Amino acid sequence: MNKFIVDGRYAELLNGYGIRVEEVLRKAKLPGDTFCHKAPVMEEEAYYRFMDAAGSLITDPQIPVQIACTDQIESFSPPIFASYCSRNGNVCIERLARYKKLIGPMVFQIKKGNGHTEIVLTTETAKYELPQFLVETEFVFLVGIIRKAAKETIKPIAVNMKKPVTDIAFSDFLGCMAMPAEHDGIVFQDSDLEIPFISYNESMWEYFEPELSRRLAELDIDESTSARVRSALTELIPGGACAIEDVAAKIGMSKRTLQRKLSEEQTTFQKQLNNTREMLALHYIRNTDISTNDIAYLLGYQELNSFLRAFAVWTGMSVTEYKKRI
């Protein structure tokens, strides 16, 4: 994957702690309107530049800890919230490791042995180095989310860093000093990661898991513009936003660029819209009790007859015939 969707609330978080996002973008040599898009995107190297620039502008050593422990940080993105709903720390870390690429170009490697679990942070591409600020906030965030979910002051037993943070605010929060190492990793006792989460919610996980898995599979299998359009439409259509302008804004490119890229893939926006509507229609009919009128509405059709005609083209039969067939 060449680009990663960056949560737009990064800008809100940084501004909230007195770090001007405009200055961060300028220092990182990124476009000033990066966070003006509905779904900001960055290439891997640019993402690291952005985080490095943010860290260089921080003068108060307490800020990285404060940012990572912000109230409601668990709702920052669906992968994080799904991890917060886990049964315990082990499951939380496994979910974060699995879905990390939906948040940014970073990899969690889980290493177990001798009653300990180490989470090693690495880059997607070996030629890059993780900025110290990013490693620092990731470690604080991971400890903070586990503590909040378990309602226990869980402390790592070791923190390894290529560039150890020496500030007392960092070590005070974690409960141990960062030590120099050839990799960036944080180590927990297995018994601490088995403490049940107070925030455990299997129903919420069942709600999030299919969508997260779909997004992940699409990233792994199909990086085309067509796939990105279908993914965006799946989210936008139920809310009534199914115009090409809506999708272009969602995936962070201009309407003209989107049209050109689809043309290069020998398709059009209308074809992708029809394909997505067909997929959603069949899903609703097979897996829900939603009425035909409501399905038409959810798919963005102004008139029921328009949906019925489209469905007949897709399947060669009426909705009633299709329901009987399945």
Protein backbone atom coordinates (compact mmCIF):
# COMPACT_ATOMS: atom_id res chain seq x y z
CA MET A 1 0.00 0.00 0.00
CA ASN A 2 1.52 3.35 -1.05
CA LYS A 3 -0.64 5.67 1.02
CA PHE A 4 -2.25 5.53 4.43
CA ILE A 5 -5.39 7.29 5.58
CA VAL A 6 -4.53 9.53 8.54
CA ASP A 7 -7.26 10.33 11.04
CA GLY A 8 -8.14 14.01 10.70
CA ARG A 9 -8.31 14.35 14.47
CA TYR A 10 -4.52 14.40 14.62
CA ALA A 11 -4.84 18.06 13.71
CA GLU A 12 -7.39 18.63 16.47
CA LEU A 13 -5.21 16.84 19.03
CA LEU A 14 -2.06 18.77 18.17
CA ASN A 15 -3.83 22.13 18.05
CA GLY A 16 -5.40 21.35 21.41
CA TYR A 17 -1.95 21.13 22.96
CA GLY A 18 -0.64 24.32 21.38
CA ILE A 19 1.15 22.68 18.44
CA ARG A 20 0.12 24.50 15.28
CA VAL A 21 -0.60 21.92 12.59
CA GLU A 22 0.19 24.44 9.86
CA GLU A 23 3.71 24.76 11.26
CA VAL A 24 4.09 20.99 11.53
CA LEU A 25 3.04 20.54 7.89
CA ARG A 26 5.37 23.31 6.76
CA LYS A 27 8.30 21.82 8.68
CA ALA A 28 7.51 18.37 7.25
CA LYS A 29 7.27 19.87 3.74
CA LEU A 30 3.71 18.66 3.30
CA PRO A 31 0.79 20.50 1.63
CA GLY A 32 -0.85 23.05 3.91
CA ASP A 33 -4.33 21.71 3.10
CA THR A 34 -3.51 18.11 4.07
CA PHE A 35 -6.06 18.06 6.89
CA CYS A 36 -8.71 19.93 4.92
CA HIS A 37 -9.73 16.68 3.22
CA LYS A 38 -12.34 14.39 4.74
CA ALA A 39 -9.84 11.53 4.64
CA PRO A 40 -6.26 12.90 4.73
CA VAL A 41 -3.71 10.57 3.16
CA MET A 42 0.08 10.40 3.44
CA GLU A 43 2.73 8.18 1.95
CA GLU A 44 4.80 6.21 4.45
CA GLU A 45 7.85 8.48 4.34
CA ALA A 46 5.67 11.59 4.59
CA TYR A 47 3.86 10.14 7.61
CA TYR A 48 7.17 9.75 9.42
CA ARG A 49 8.22 13.27 8.44
CA PHE A 50 4.98 14.59 9.85
CA MET A 51 5.46 12.78 13.18
CA ASP A 52 9.11 13.81 13.38
CA ALA A 53 8.19 17.45 12.75
CA ALA A 54 5.46 17.31 15.41
CA GLY A 55 7.92 15.93 17.94
CA SER A 56 10.53 18.58 17.15
CA LEU A 57 8.06 21.38 17.91
CA ILE A 58 7.19 20.09 21.38
CA THR A 59 8.96 21.92 24.18
CA ASP A 60 6.99 20.59 27.15
CA PRO A 61 8.06 16.97 27.92
CA GLN A 62 4.63 16.30 29.43
CA ILE A 63 2.82 16.81 26.11
CA PRO A 64 3.54 13.40 24.49
CA VAL A 65 2.11 11.71 27.60
CA GLN A 66 -0.88 14.06 27.67
CA ILE A 67 -1.63 13.52 23.96
CA ALA A 68 -1.53 9.74 24.26
CA CYS A 69 -3.75 9.82 27.37
CA THR A 70 -6.33 12.25 25.98
CA ASP A 71 -9.89 11.66 27.20
CA GLN A 72 -11.86 9.39 24.84
CA ILE A 73 -8.69 8.40 22.97
CA GLU A 74 -10.22 4.92 22.67
CA SER A 75 -12.78 6.36 20.24
CA PHE A 76 -10.08 7.90 18.04
CA SER A 77 -10.60 5.29 15.31
CA PRO A 78 -12.53 2.02 14.81
CA PRO A 79 -9.44 -0.24 15.18
CA ILE A 80 -8.57 1.40 18.50
CA PHE A 81 -12.13 1.20 19.79
CA ALA A 82 -12.36 -2.46 18.74
CA SER A 83 -9.18 -3.13 20.72
CA TYR A 84 -10.59 -1.28 23.73
CA CYS A 85 -13.59 -3.66 23.66
CA SER A 86 -11.30 -6.71 23.93
CA ARG A 87 -11.50 -9.40 26.59
CA ASN A 88 -8.02 -8.57 27.97
CA GLY A 89 -4.65 -7.05 27.13
CA ASN A 90 -3.53 -10.02 25.05
CA VAL A 91 -6.52 -9.74 22.73
CA CYS A 92 -6.21 -5.95 22.67
CA ILE A 93 -2.60 -6.14 21.45
CA GLU A 94 -3.44 -8.82 18.89
CA ARG A 95 -6.21 -6.65 17.43
CA LEU A 96 -3.98 -3.57 17.34
CA ALA A 97 -1.28 -5.59 15.59
CA ARG A 98 -3.73 -6.95 13.04
CA TYR A 99 -5.41 -3.67 12.17
CA LYS A 100 -2.53 -1.23 12.68
CA LYS A 101 -2.11 -0.65 8.96
CA LEU A 102 -5.62 0.84 8.89
CA ILE A 103 -4.27 3.61 11.14
CA GLY A 104 -0.78 4.23 9.80
CA PRO A 105 2.40 2.66 8.34
CA MET A 106 3.59 0.91 11.49
CA VAL A 107 3.91 -2.75 12.42
CA PHE A 108 3.41 -4.43 15.81
CA GLN A 109 5.48 -7.61 16.16
CA ILE A 110 4.39 -9.72 19.16
CA LYS A 111 7.07 -11.88 20.78
CA LYS A 112 6.20 -14.25 23.64
CA GLY A 113 8.38 -16.29 25.96
CA ASN A 114 9.32 -16.90 29.61
CA GLY A 115 6.07 -15.45 30.88
CA HIS A 116 6.63 -12.16 29.06
CA THR A 117 5.22 -10.50 25.95
CA GLU A 118 7.17 -7.91 23.98
CA ILE A 119 5.54 -5.66 21.39
CA VAL A 120 8.19 -4.53 18.92
CA LEU A 121 7.45 -1.46 16.78
CA THR A 122 8.84 -1.42 13.25
CA THR A 123 8.20 0.39 9.97
CA GLU A 124 6.33 -1.04 6.99
CA THR A 125 9.44 -0.50 4.87
CA ALA A 126 12.86 -1.44 6.29
CA LYS A 127 14.64 1.61 4.86
CA TYR A 128 12.78 3.99 7.19
CA GLU A 129 13.27 4.69 10.90
CA LEU A 130 10.45 5.39 13.34
CA PRO A 131 10.60 8.93 14.75
CA GLN A 132 11.29 9.00 18.49
CA PHE A 133 8.14 11.06 19.11
CA LEU A 134 6.04 8.36 17.40
CA VAL A 135 7.61 5.54 19.43
CA GLU A 136 7.19 7.52 22.64
CA THR A 137 3.50 8.25 22.07
CA GLU A 138 2.79 4.69 20.89
CA PHE A 139 4.26 3.23 24.09
CA VAL A 140 2.37 5.69 26.28
CA PHE A 141 -0.83 5.11 24.34
CA LEU A 142 -0.56 1.31 24.59
CA VAL A 143 0.02 1.40 28.36
CA GLY A 144 -2.73 4.00 28.79
CA ILE A 145 -5.37 2.09 26.83
CA ILE A 146 -4.63 -1.16 28.72
CA ARG A 147 -4.80 0.62 32.08
CA LYS A 148 -8.04 2.37 31.21
CA ALA A 149 -9.68 -0.80 29.92
CA ALA A 150 -8.53 -3.00 32.82
CA LYS A 151 -8.93 -0.32 35.52
CA GLU A 152 -5.52 -1.43 36.85
CA THR A 153 -2.21 0.45 37.01
CA ILE A 154 -0.40 -2.02 34.79
CA LYS A 155 3.28 -1.27 34.28
CA PRO A 156 5.63 -2.66 31.63
CA ILE A 157 8.61 -4.55 32.99
CA ALA A 158 10.96 -3.17 30.32
CA VAL A 159 11.05 -0.49 27.64
CA ASN A 160 13.62 -0.80 24.85
CA MET A 161 14.33 2.09 22.49
CA LYS A 162 16.85 2.84 19.78
CA LYS A 163 16.80 6.44 21.06
CA PRO A 164 15.71 6.22 24.72
CA VAL A 165 13.54 8.99 26.09
CA THR A 166 15.30 10.35 29.15
CA ASP A 167 12.63 12.72 30.41
CA ILE A 168 11.25 11.89 33.83
CA ALA A 169 7.61 12.44 32.69
CA PHE A 170 7.93 9.47 30.33
CA SER A 171 9.48 7.09 32.86
CA ASP A 172 7.14 8.23 35.64
CA PHE A 173 4.10 7.42 33.54
CA LEU A 174 5.33 4.00 32.39
CA GLY A 175 6.86 3.07 35.73
CA CYS A 176 10.28 2.15 34.32
CA MET A 177 13.19 3.74 32.48
CA ALA A 178 13.71 3.30 28.76
CA MET A 179 16.90 1.39 27.99
CA PRO A 180 19.04 1.59 24.83
CA ALA A 181 18.49 -1.32 22.44
CA GLU A 182 18.71 -2.28 18.78
CA HIS A 183 14.93 -2.19 18.46
CA ASP A 184 11.90 -0.35 19.86
CA GLY A 185 9.89 -2.65 22.12
CA ILE A 186 7.81 -2.67 25.29
CA VAL A 187 7.58 -5.74 27.53
CA PHE A 188 4.68 -6.82 29.77
CA GLN A 189 4.19 -9.72 32.15
CA ASP A 190 1.76 -12.22 30.65
CA SER A 191 -0.24 -12.24 33.88
CA ASP A 192 -0.88 -8.49 33.54
CA LEU A 193 -2.16 -8.96 30.01
CA GLU A 194 -4.61 -11.61 31.20
CA ILE A 195 -6.43 -9.20 33.55
CA PRO A 196 -10.04 -8.90 32.26
CA PHE A 197 -11.02 -5.60 30.65
CA ILE A 198 -13.86 -3.71 32.27
CA SER A 199 -14.58 -2.33 28.78
CA TYR A 200 -15.07 -5.80 27.28
CA ASN A 201 -17.96 -5.72 24.83
CA GLU A 202 -18.33 -8.65 22.45
CA SER A 203 -21.36 -7.11 20.75
CA MET A 204 -19.36 -4.02 19.72
CA TRP A 205 -16.56 -6.25 18.45
CA GLU A 206 -19.04 -8.25 16.35
CA TYR A 207 -20.23 -4.93 14.93
CA PHE A 208 -16.75 -3.68 14.03
CA GLU A 209 -14.97 -6.89 13.02
CA PRO A 210 -16.60 -7.51 9.59
CA GLU A 211 -15.94 -3.96 8.42
CA LEU A 212 -12.34 -3.90 9.73
CA SER A 213 -11.62 -7.26 8.10
CA ARG A 214 -13.16 -6.09 4.83
CA ARG A 215 -10.99 -2.97 4.81
CA LEU A 216 -7.90 -4.98 5.65
CA ALA A 217 -8.59 -7.58 2.96
CA GLU A 218 -9.12 -4.86 0.39
CA LEU A 219 -5.80 -3.26 1.32
CA ASP A 220 -3.99 -6.58 1.03
CA ILE A 221 -5.62 -7.77 -2.17
CA ASP A 222 -6.60 -4.77 -4.23
CA GLU A 223 -4.85 -1.41 -4.07
CA SER A 224 -6.59 -0.07 -7.17
CA THR A 225 -8.49 3.18 -7.33
CA SER A 226 -11.62 1.15 -8.10
CA ALA A 227 -11.27 -0.68 -4.77
CA ARG A 228 -10.78 2.58 -2.89
CA VAL A 229 -13.90 3.98 -4.56
CA ARG A 230 -15.98 0.93 -3.63
CA SER A 231 -14.68 1.06 -0.06
CA ALA A 232 -15.57 4.75 0.23
CA LEU A 233 -19.00 4.22 -1.32
CA THR A 234 -19.80 1.45 1.17
CA GLU A 235 -19.45 4.03 3.93
CA LEU A 236 -20.99 6.99 2.12
CA ILE A 237 -24.05 5.54 0.39
CA PRO A 238 -26.11 4.79 3.55
CA GLY A 239 -25.66 8.43 4.56
CA GLY A 240 -26.96 9.70 1.23
CA ALA A 241 -23.58 10.81 -0.13
CA CYS A 242 -22.93 8.94 -3.36
CA ALA A 243 -21.74 11.63 -5.78
CA ILE A 244 -18.29 11.47 -7.31
CA GLU A 245 -17.40 14.68 -5.44
CA ASP A 246 -18.17 12.95 -2.12
CA VAL A 247 -15.94 10.00 -2.96
CA ALA A 248 -13.12 12.17 -4.29
CA ALA A 249 -13.08 14.13 -1.03
CA LYS A 250 -13.23 10.91 1.01
CA ILE A 251 -10.15 9.38 -0.61
CA GLY A 252 -8.23 12.64 -0.87
CA MET A 253 -8.01 13.43 -4.56
CA SER A 254 -9.65 15.80 -7.00
CA LYS A 255 -12.67 14.80 -9.09
CA ARG A 256 -10.63 15.07 -12.29
CA THR A 257 -7.80 12.91 -10.92
CA LEU A 258 -10.30 10.29 -9.74
CA GLN A 259 -11.94 10.17 -13.16
CA ARG A 260 -8.55 9.83 -14.86
CA LYS A 261 -7.40 7.00 -12.58
CA LEU A 262 -10.65 5.09 -13.09
CA SER A 263 -10.34 5.55 -16.82
CA GLU A 264 -6.81 4.09 -16.67
CA GLU A 265 -8.37 1.03 -15.01
CA GLN A 266 -10.92 0.87 -17.84
CA THR A 267 -13.89 1.65 -15.63
CA THR A 268 -16.01 4.63 -14.60
CA PHE A 269 -17.39 6.03 -11.39
CA GLN A 270 -20.92 5.08 -12.43
CA LYS A 271 -19.89 1.45 -12.93
CA GLN A 272 -18.31 1.35 -9.46
CA LEU A 273 -21.40 2.98 -7.95
CA ASN A 274 -23.66 0.40 -9.60
CA ASN A 275 -21.41 -2.47 -8.47
CA THR A 276 -21.39 -1.19 -4.89
CA ARG A 277 -25.16 -0.68 -4.85
CA GLU A 278 -25.67 -4.21 -6.17
CA MET A 279 -23.35 -5.67 -3.51
CA LEU A 280 -25.11 -3.77 -0.72
CA ALA A 281 -28.59 -4.63 -2.03
CA LEU A 282 -27.83 -8.36 -2.07
CA HIS A 283 -26.30 -8.09 1.40
CA TYR A 284 -29.37 -6.35 2.82
CA ILE A 285 -31.75 -8.87 1.28
CA ARG A 286 -29.77 -11.94 2.35
CA ASN A 287 -28.84 -10.84 5.87
CA THR A 288 -31.51 -8.42 7.10
CA ASP A 289 -35.26 -7.95 7.29
CA ILE A 290 -35.10 -4.43 5.86
CA SER A 291 -38.03 -3.63 3.58
CA THR A 292 -37.52 -3.05 -0.13
CA ASN A 293 -38.50 0.60 0.28
CA ASP A 294 -35.85 1.08 2.97
CA ILE A 295 -33.20 -0.70 0.93
CA ALA A 296 -33.89 1.65 -1.98
CA TYR A 297 -33.54 4.61 0.39
CA LEU A 298 -30.29 3.28 1.91
CA LEU A 299 -28.84 2.85 -1.59
CA GLY A 300 -29.55 6.47 -2.46
CA TYR A 301 -32.43 5.95 -4.89
CA GLN A 302 -34.98 8.77 -4.96
CA GLU A 303 -37.72 6.47 -6.26
CA LEU A 304 -38.48 2.83 -5.48
CA ASN A 305 -39.10 2.04 -9.16
CA SER A 306 -35.58 3.15 -10.05
CA PHE A 307 -34.17 0.64 -7.59
CA LEU A 308 -36.49 -2.12 -8.81
CA ARG A 309 -35.42 -1.58 -12.42
CA ALA A 310 -31.74 -1.59 -11.43
CA PHE A 311 -32.19 -4.78 -9.39
CA ALA A 312 -33.80 -6.52 -12.36
CA VAL A 313 -30.81 -5.57 -14.51
CA TRP A 314 -28.34 -6.88 -11.89
CA THR A 315 -30.02 -10.21 -11.18
CA GLY A 316 -32.42 -10.85 -14.03
CA MET A 317 -35.33 -11.14 -11.60
CA SER A 318 -37.50 -9.07 -9.29
CA VAL A 319 -36.75 -8.58 -5.60
CA THR A 320 -39.64 -10.91 -4.71
CA GLU A 321 -38.36 -13.62 -7.06
CA TYR A 322 -34.84 -13.24 -5.67
CA LYS A 323 -36.05 -13.62 -2.07
CA LYS A 324 -37.92 -16.81 -3.02
CA ARG A 325 -34.81 -18.13 -4.76
CA ILE A 326 -32.60 -17.71 -1.69
